[in-house]
Amino acid sequence: MSQGALYAARNIVIAGWELKENFIHSAGPGGQNVNKVATAVQLQFDIRQSPSLPERVKSRLIRFGGSRVSKEGVLMIEARRHRTQERNRADARDRLTELIDAASEPPPPPRRKTRPSRGAVERRLKSKSIRADIKKGRGRIKKDD
């Protein structure tokens, strides 16, 4: 069980019972303490079974999770950057919040088709003809007999 609810953007709240934490030995910083204390955190979140997320956010979160998401739809985040359990726990929760925020962003507005202005078309054609004249001048010179 996790310590409390997780608040993400756009009014998404993940209840504490939806998050599962396992503490494991970390190979990172910690000095002599590293072999005695389980400071690294494995945070697991079952995306497919979560009642807190809309379907669109679930599918995007599975896509954004990449290799961290199992076939069953469980997202696992490992945090082992810090020396203490509390900081690693906070780091894992922050990373999950960032993923949820990115997945819950609204889709971009549809593209509006535009046409180039008449002046832009004329400037483009004029520059093309100038360039063509420059290249034509590089050719062989004809002798007048």
N, C-alpha and C. Protein backbone atom coordinates (compact mmCIF):
# COMPACT_ATOMS: atom_id res chain seq x y z
N MET A 1 0.83 -1.18 0.00
CA MET A 1 0.00 0.00 0.00
C MET A 1 0.87 1.25 0.00
N SER A 2 0.36 2.24 -0.61
CA SER A 2 1.08 3.50 -0.68
C SER A 2 0.61 4.42 0.45
N GLN A 3 1.24 5.54 0.56
CA GLN A 3 0.98 6.41 1.70
C GLN A 3 -0.25 7.29 1.56
N GLY A 4 -0.72 7.56 0.38
CA GLY A 4 -1.90 8.41 0.24
C GLY A 4 -2.28 8.59 -1.21
N ALA A 5 -3.27 9.43 -1.41
CA ALA A 5 -3.74 9.68 -2.77
C ALA A 5 -2.70 10.45 -3.57
N LEU A 6 -2.75 10.26 -4.88
CA LEU A 6 -1.83 10.92 -5.80
C LEU A 6 -2.65 11.88 -6.65
N TYR A 7 -2.29 13.16 -6.61
CA TYR A 7 -3.04 14.19 -7.33
C TYR A 7 -2.30 14.56 -8.60
N ALA A 8 -2.97 14.41 -9.73
CA ALA A 8 -2.38 14.74 -11.03
C ALA A 8 -3.17 15.90 -11.65
N ALA A 9 -2.75 16.30 -12.82
CA ALA A 9 -3.40 17.41 -13.50
C ALA A 9 -4.81 17.03 -13.97
N ARG A 10 -5.58 18.03 -14.31
CA ARG A 10 -6.92 17.88 -14.83
C ARG A 10 -7.84 17.06 -13.92
N ASN A 11 -7.73 17.32 -12.61
CA ASN A 11 -8.60 16.72 -11.58
C ASN A 11 -8.54 15.20 -11.53
N ILE A 12 -7.41 14.62 -11.84
CA ILE A 12 -7.26 13.17 -11.73
C ILE A 12 -6.67 12.87 -10.36
N VAL A 13 -7.34 12.00 -9.62
CA VAL A 13 -6.88 11.60 -8.29
C VAL A 13 -6.77 10.08 -8.28
N ILE A 14 -5.57 9.59 -8.00
CA ILE A 14 -5.34 8.15 -7.88
C ILE A 14 -5.37 7.81 -6.40
N ALA A 15 -6.26 6.93 -6.00
CA ALA A 15 -6.38 6.54 -4.59
C ALA A 15 -5.14 5.76 -4.16
N GLY A 16 -4.84 5.84 -2.87
CA GLY A 16 -3.66 5.16 -2.33
C GLY A 16 -3.73 3.66 -2.49
N TRP A 17 -4.92 3.07 -2.45
CA TRP A 17 -5.04 1.62 -2.55
C TRP A 17 -4.74 1.11 -3.97
N GLU A 18 -4.72 2.01 -4.97
CA GLU A 18 -4.42 1.60 -6.34
C GLU A 18 -2.92 1.45 -6.59
N LEU A 19 -2.11 2.02 -5.71
CA LEU A 19 -0.66 1.98 -5.86
C LEU A 19 -0.07 0.93 -4.94
N LYS A 20 0.86 0.16 -5.47
CA LYS A 20 1.53 -0.87 -4.68
C LYS A 20 3.02 -0.58 -4.69
N GLU A 21 3.64 -0.57 -3.51
CA GLU A 21 5.06 -0.28 -3.41
C GLU A 21 5.80 -1.47 -2.83
N ASN A 22 6.94 -1.79 -3.43
CA ASN A 22 7.87 -2.80 -2.91
C ASN A 22 9.20 -2.12 -2.71
N PHE A 23 9.85 -2.43 -1.60
CA PHE A 23 11.16 -1.86 -1.32
C PHE A 23 12.22 -2.94 -1.52
N ILE A 24 13.24 -2.60 -2.29
CA ILE A 24 14.29 -3.56 -2.64
C ILE A 24 15.65 -2.95 -2.36
N HIS A 25 16.67 -3.81 -2.33
CA HIS A 25 18.04 -3.32 -2.16
C HIS A 25 18.45 -2.55 -3.40
N SER A 26 19.14 -1.47 -3.18
CA SER A 26 19.56 -0.62 -4.28
C SER A 26 21.06 -0.68 -4.45
N ALA A 27 21.52 -0.63 -5.69
CA ALA A 27 22.95 -0.63 -5.97
C ALA A 27 23.49 0.78 -6.08
N GLY A 28 22.65 1.76 -5.84
CA GLY A 28 23.06 3.15 -5.99
C GLY A 28 23.78 3.68 -4.77
N PRO A 29 23.71 5.01 -4.53
CA PRO A 29 24.43 5.62 -3.43
C PRO A 29 23.90 5.15 -2.08
N GLY A 30 24.77 5.15 -1.09
CA GLY A 30 24.35 4.75 0.25
C GLY A 30 25.49 4.27 1.11
N GLY A 31 26.66 4.10 0.53
CA GLY A 31 27.82 3.68 1.31
C GLY A 31 27.64 2.29 1.89
N GLN A 32 28.03 2.11 3.15
CA GLN A 32 27.92 0.80 3.80
C GLN A 32 26.47 0.42 4.02
N ASN A 33 25.60 1.40 4.02
CA ASN A 33 24.18 1.17 4.26
C ASN A 33 23.51 0.43 3.11
N VAL A 34 24.14 0.46 1.91
CA VAL A 34 23.47 -0.01 0.70
C VAL A 34 23.14 -1.50 0.76
N ASN A 35 23.92 -2.30 1.44
CA ASN A 35 23.67 -3.73 1.49
C ASN A 35 22.77 -4.14 2.64
N LYS A 36 22.41 -3.21 3.51
CA LYS A 36 21.63 -3.55 4.69
C LYS A 36 20.18 -3.08 4.62
N VAL A 37 19.95 -1.99 3.92
CA VAL A 37 18.62 -1.36 3.94
C VAL A 37 18.03 -1.36 2.53
N ALA A 38 16.75 -1.69 2.44
CA ALA A 38 16.06 -1.68 1.15
C ALA A 38 15.56 -0.27 0.90
N THR A 39 16.32 0.51 0.13
CA THR A 39 15.94 1.90 -0.10
C THR A 39 15.28 2.13 -1.45
N ALA A 40 15.52 1.28 -2.42
CA ALA A 40 14.92 1.47 -3.74
C ALA A 40 13.43 1.10 -3.69
N VAL A 41 12.66 1.78 -4.52
CA VAL A 41 11.21 1.59 -4.52
C VAL A 41 10.76 1.11 -5.90
N GLN A 42 9.91 0.08 -5.90
CA GLN A 42 9.22 -0.35 -7.11
C GLN A 42 7.75 0.04 -6.93
N LEU A 43 7.30 1.02 -7.70
CA LEU A 43 5.92 1.48 -7.61
C LEU A 43 5.14 0.83 -8.75
N GLN A 44 4.06 0.11 -8.39
CA GLN A 44 3.24 -0.57 -9.39
C GLN A 44 1.85 0.06 -9.42
N PHE A 45 1.36 0.27 -10.64
CA PHE A 45 0.04 0.87 -10.83
C PHE A 45 -0.66 0.11 -11.95
N ASP A 46 -1.80 -0.49 -11.63
CA ASP A 46 -2.56 -1.26 -12.62
C ASP A 46 -3.43 -0.29 -13.41
N ILE A 47 -2.98 0.00 -14.62
CA ILE A 47 -3.65 1.01 -15.44
C ILE A 47 -5.03 0.54 -15.87
N ARG A 48 -5.12 -0.68 -16.36
CA ARG A 48 -6.39 -1.17 -16.92
C ARG A 48 -7.50 -1.30 -15.87
N GLN A 49 -7.15 -1.62 -14.62
CA GLN A 49 -8.15 -1.82 -13.58
C GLN A 49 -8.45 -0.55 -12.78
N SER A 50 -7.80 0.54 -13.11
CA SER A 50 -7.97 1.78 -12.34
C SER A 50 -9.31 2.44 -12.65
N PRO A 51 -10.11 2.69 -11.61
CA PRO A 51 -11.36 3.41 -11.83
C PRO A 51 -11.15 4.93 -11.91
N SER A 52 -9.96 5.40 -11.63
CA SER A 52 -9.69 6.83 -11.56
C SER A 52 -9.38 7.46 -12.92
N LEU A 53 -9.08 6.65 -13.92
CA LEU A 53 -8.64 7.19 -15.21
C LEU A 53 -9.70 6.97 -16.29
N PRO A 54 -9.93 7.97 -17.14
CA PRO A 54 -10.80 7.77 -18.31
C PRO A 54 -10.11 6.85 -19.32
N GLU A 55 -10.88 6.25 -20.19
CA GLU A 55 -10.34 5.28 -21.16
C GLU A 55 -9.28 5.90 -22.06
N ARG A 56 -9.48 7.14 -22.49
CA ARG A 56 -8.50 7.78 -23.37
C ARG A 56 -7.16 7.94 -22.66
N VAL A 57 -7.20 8.31 -21.39
CA VAL A 57 -5.97 8.48 -20.62
C VAL A 57 -5.30 7.12 -20.39
N LYS A 58 -6.10 6.08 -20.15
CA LYS A 58 -5.54 4.74 -19.94
C LYS A 58 -4.76 4.28 -21.17
N SER A 59 -5.36 4.42 -22.35
CA SER A 59 -4.68 3.95 -23.56
C SER A 59 -3.42 4.76 -23.84
N ARG A 60 -3.48 6.07 -23.61
CA ARG A 60 -2.28 6.90 -23.83
C ARG A 60 -1.20 6.59 -22.79
N LEU A 61 -1.60 6.32 -21.55
CA LEU A 61 -0.63 6.01 -20.50
C LEU A 61 0.08 4.69 -20.79
N ILE A 62 -0.65 3.72 -21.32
CA ILE A 62 -0.02 2.45 -21.70
C ILE A 62 1.00 2.69 -22.80
N ARG A 63 0.65 3.56 -23.76
CA ARG A 63 1.58 3.87 -24.85
C ARG A 63 2.80 4.63 -24.33
N PHE A 64 2.58 5.61 -23.45
CA PHE A 64 3.69 6.42 -22.92
C PHE A 64 4.58 5.60 -22.00
N GLY A 65 4.01 4.60 -21.32
CA GLY A 65 4.79 3.78 -20.39
C GLY A 65 5.83 2.93 -21.09
N GLY A 66 5.54 2.54 -22.32
CA GLY A 66 6.50 1.76 -23.11
C GLY A 66 6.83 0.42 -22.47
N SER A 67 8.12 0.15 -22.28
CA SER A 67 8.57 -1.14 -21.75
C SER A 67 8.32 -1.26 -20.25
N ARG A 68 7.93 -0.18 -19.59
CA ARG A 68 7.64 -0.25 -18.16
C ARG A 68 6.25 -0.83 -17.88
N VAL A 69 5.44 -1.02 -18.93
CA VAL A 69 4.10 -1.56 -18.78
C VAL A 69 4.11 -3.03 -19.18
N SER A 70 3.57 -3.88 -18.29
CA SER A 70 3.50 -5.31 -18.59
C SER A 70 2.34 -5.60 -19.54
N LYS A 71 2.25 -6.84 -19.99
CA LYS A 71 1.15 -7.23 -20.89
C LYS A 71 -0.21 -7.10 -20.21
N GLU A 72 -0.22 -7.23 -18.88
CA GLU A 72 -1.47 -7.12 -18.13
C GLU A 72 -1.88 -5.67 -17.89
N GLY A 73 -1.03 -4.73 -18.27
CA GLY A 73 -1.34 -3.32 -18.10
C GLY A 73 -0.89 -2.74 -16.78
N VAL A 74 0.11 -3.37 -16.14
CA VAL A 74 0.63 -2.86 -14.87
C VAL A 74 1.89 -2.05 -15.16
N LEU A 75 1.87 -0.79 -14.76
CA LEU A 75 3.01 0.11 -14.93
C LEU A 75 3.92 -0.02 -13.72
N MET A 76 5.23 -0.26 -13.96
CA MET A 76 6.17 -0.38 -12.84
C MET A 76 7.25 0.67 -13.00
N ILE A 77 7.41 1.49 -11.97
CA ILE A 77 8.42 2.53 -11.95
C ILE A 77 9.39 2.20 -10.82
N GLU A 78 10.67 2.12 -11.15
CA GLU A 78 11.70 1.88 -10.14
C GLU A 78 12.42 3.18 -9.86
N ALA A 79 12.55 3.51 -8.58
CA ALA A 79 13.26 4.71 -8.17
C ALA A 79 14.38 4.31 -7.22
N ARG A 80 15.62 4.63 -7.62
CA ARG A 80 16.76 4.30 -6.78
C ARG A 80 17.82 5.38 -6.83
N ARG A 81 17.41 6.60 -7.15
CA ARG A 81 18.37 7.70 -7.29
C ARG A 81 18.89 8.22 -5.96
N HIS A 82 18.08 8.11 -4.92
CA HIS A 82 18.41 8.74 -3.64
C HIS A 82 18.81 7.70 -2.60
N ARG A 83 19.30 8.20 -1.46
CA ARG A 83 19.80 7.33 -0.40
C ARG A 83 18.72 6.88 0.56
N THR A 84 17.58 7.55 0.57
CA THR A 84 16.54 7.21 1.54
C THR A 84 15.29 6.70 0.85
N GLN A 85 14.57 5.88 1.62
CA GLN A 85 13.31 5.32 1.12
C GLN A 85 12.30 6.42 0.81
N GLU A 86 12.22 7.42 1.67
CA GLU A 86 11.22 8.47 1.51
C GLU A 86 11.45 9.26 0.23
N ARG A 87 12.71 9.61 -0.03
CA ARG A 87 12.99 10.40 -1.24
C ARG A 87 12.78 9.56 -2.50
N ASN A 88 13.12 8.27 -2.45
CA ASN A 88 12.87 7.39 -3.60
C ASN A 88 11.38 7.20 -3.81
N ARG A 89 10.62 7.11 -2.73
CA ARG A 89 9.17 6.97 -2.84
C ARG A 89 8.58 8.23 -3.48
N ALA A 90 9.02 9.39 -3.03
CA ALA A 90 8.53 10.64 -3.60
C ALA A 90 8.93 10.77 -5.07
N ASP A 91 10.14 10.32 -5.41
CA ASP A 91 10.61 10.37 -6.79
C ASP A 91 9.74 9.49 -7.69
N ALA A 92 9.42 8.29 -7.23
CA ALA A 92 8.60 7.37 -8.02
C ALA A 92 7.20 7.95 -8.21
N ARG A 93 6.63 8.53 -7.17
CA ARG A 93 5.30 9.13 -7.27
C ARG A 93 5.31 10.33 -8.20
N ASP A 94 6.38 11.13 -8.15
CA ASP A 94 6.49 12.29 -9.05
C ASP A 94 6.58 11.84 -10.50
N ARG A 95 7.34 10.79 -10.76
CA ARG A 95 7.47 10.30 -12.13
C ARG A 95 6.14 9.74 -12.64
N LEU A 96 5.39 9.06 -11.78
CA LEU A 96 4.06 8.57 -12.17
C LEU A 96 3.13 9.75 -12.46
N THR A 97 3.20 10.78 -11.64
CA THR A 97 2.36 11.97 -11.85
C THR A 97 2.69 12.62 -13.19
N GLU A 98 3.98 12.72 -13.52
CA GLU A 98 4.37 13.31 -14.81
C GLU A 98 3.83 12.51 -15.98
N LEU A 99 3.89 11.17 -15.88
CA LEU A 99 3.35 10.32 -16.95
C LEU A 99 1.85 10.52 -17.10
N ILE A 100 1.13 10.57 -15.98
CA ILE A 100 -0.32 10.74 -16.03
C ILE A 100 -0.66 12.12 -16.60
N ASP A 101 0.10 13.15 -16.20
CA ASP A 101 -0.14 14.49 -16.73
C ASP A 101 0.05 14.53 -18.25
N ALA A 102 1.12 13.88 -18.73
CA ALA A 102 1.38 13.86 -20.17
C ALA A 102 0.29 13.10 -20.91
N ALA A 103 -0.19 12.00 -20.32
CA ALA A 103 -1.22 11.19 -20.98
C ALA A 103 -2.58 11.86 -20.96
N SER A 104 -2.81 12.75 -20.01
CA SER A 104 -4.14 13.36 -19.89
C SER A 104 -4.25 14.68 -20.64
N GLU A 105 -3.19 15.10 -21.32
CA GLU A 105 -3.27 16.35 -22.09
C GLU A 105 -4.33 16.21 -23.19
N PRO A 106 -5.09 17.27 -23.41
CA PRO A 106 -6.11 17.19 -24.47
C PRO A 106 -5.45 17.10 -25.84
N PRO A 107 -6.14 16.51 -26.80
CA PRO A 107 -5.56 16.42 -28.14
C PRO A 107 -5.41 17.80 -28.76
N PRO A 108 -4.43 17.97 -29.64
CA PRO A 108 -4.25 19.28 -30.26
C PRO A 108 -5.43 19.62 -31.17
N PRO A 109 -5.69 20.90 -31.39
CA PRO A 109 -6.81 21.25 -32.27
C PRO A 109 -6.52 20.79 -33.69
N PRO A 110 -7.57 20.49 -34.45
CA PRO A 110 -7.34 20.02 -35.82
C PRO A 110 -6.68 21.10 -36.67
N ARG A 111 -5.89 20.68 -37.63
CA ARG A 111 -5.17 21.61 -38.49
C ARG A 111 -6.14 22.27 -39.46
N ARG A 112 -5.99 23.59 -39.58
CA ARG A 112 -6.80 24.33 -40.54
C ARG A 112 -6.00 24.50 -41.81
N LYS A 113 -6.59 24.10 -42.93
CA LYS A 113 -5.91 24.23 -44.20
C LYS A 113 -5.82 25.69 -44.60
N THR A 114 -4.65 26.10 -45.03
CA THR A 114 -4.47 27.48 -45.47
C THR A 114 -3.83 27.48 -46.85
N ARG A 115 -3.98 28.60 -47.57
CA ARG A 115 -3.36 28.74 -48.88
C ARG A 115 -2.35 29.87 -48.80
N PRO A 116 -1.25 29.75 -49.57
CA PRO A 116 -0.30 30.86 -49.58
C PRO A 116 -0.94 32.09 -50.24
N SER A 117 -0.51 33.25 -49.78
CA SER A 117 -1.08 34.49 -50.34
C SER A 117 -0.60 34.68 -51.78
N ARG A 118 -1.27 35.54 -52.49
CA ARG A 118 -0.92 35.80 -53.89
C ARG A 118 0.50 36.38 -53.98
N GLY A 119 0.82 37.29 -53.06
CA GLY A 119 2.16 37.87 -53.06
C GLY A 119 3.24 36.84 -52.80
N ALA A 120 2.96 35.89 -51.90
CA ALA A 120 3.95 34.85 -51.60
C ALA A 120 4.19 33.96 -52.81
N VAL A 121 3.12 33.64 -53.55
CA VAL A 121 3.26 32.83 -54.76
C VAL A 121 4.09 33.58 -55.80
N GLU A 122 3.80 34.87 -55.98
CA GLU A 122 4.54 35.66 -56.97
C GLU A 122 6.02 35.79 -56.59
N ARG A 123 6.33 36.01 -55.30
CA ARG A 123 7.72 36.11 -54.86
C ARG A 123 8.46 34.80 -55.08
N ARG A 124 7.79 33.67 -54.82
CA ARG A 124 8.41 32.36 -55.02
C ARG A 124 8.72 32.14 -56.50
N LEU A 125 7.78 32.43 -57.36
CA LEU A 125 7.98 32.22 -58.79
C LEU A 125 9.07 33.15 -59.33
N LYS A 126 9.11 34.40 -58.84
CA LYS A 126 10.13 35.33 -59.29
C LYS A 126 11.52 34.85 -58.87
N SER A 127 11.66 34.38 -57.62
CA SER A 127 12.97 33.89 -57.16
C SER A 127 13.38 32.64 -57.94
N LYS A 128 12.40 31.82 -58.32
CA LYS A 128 12.72 30.64 -59.13
C LYS A 128 13.23 31.03 -60.51
N SER A 129 12.61 32.03 -61.11
CA SER A 129 13.05 32.43 -62.45
C SER A 129 14.43 33.09 -62.39
N ILE A 130 14.70 33.86 -61.33
CA ILE A 130 16.03 34.46 -61.16
C ILE A 130 17.07 33.37 -61.02
N ARG A 131 16.77 32.38 -60.23
CA ARG A 131 17.70 31.26 -60.02
C ARG A 131 17.91 30.49 -61.33
N ALA A 132 16.84 30.31 -62.11
CA ALA A 132 16.95 29.61 -63.39
C ALA A 132 17.85 30.39 -64.35
N ASP A 133 17.74 31.73 -64.38
CA ASP A 133 18.61 32.56 -65.23
C ASP A 133 20.07 32.42 -64.82
N ILE A 134 20.33 32.38 -63.51
CA ILE A 134 21.71 32.22 -63.02
C ILE A 134 22.27 30.89 -63.51
N LYS A 135 21.49 29.84 -63.39
CA LYS A 135 21.97 28.53 -63.81
C LYS A 135 22.12 28.43 -65.32
N LYS A 136 21.22 29.10 -66.04
CA LYS A 136 21.31 29.08 -67.50
C LYS A 136 22.59 29.77 -67.97
N GLY A 137 23.02 30.78 -67.22
CA GLY A 137 24.25 31.49 -67.56
C GLY A 137 25.51 30.66 -67.33
N ARG A 138 25.41 29.57 -66.64
CA ARG A 138 26.57 28.72 -66.38
C ARG A 138 26.83 27.75 -67.53
N GLY A 139 25.94 27.66 -68.49
CA GLY A 139 26.08 26.69 -69.58
C GLY A 139 27.18 27.07 -70.55
N ARG A 140 27.30 26.27 -71.60
CA ARG A 140 28.33 26.54 -72.63
C ARG A 140 27.96 27.79 -73.40
N ILE A 141 29.00 28.47 -73.77
CA ILE A 141 28.82 29.70 -74.55
C ILE A 141 28.84 29.33 -76.02
N LYS A 142 27.83 29.80 -76.75
CA LYS A 142 27.76 29.50 -78.18
C LYS A 142 28.64 30.50 -78.94
N LYS A 143 29.41 29.98 -79.90
CA LYS A 143 30.24 30.85 -80.75
C LYS A 143 29.40 31.38 -81.90
N ASP A 144 29.51 32.67 -82.16
CA ASP A 144 28.83 33.24 -83.31
C ASP A 144 29.76 33.18 -84.50
N ASP A 145 29.46 32.44 -85.51
CA ASP A 145 30.32 32.31 -86.69
C ASP A 145 29.98 33.26 -87.75
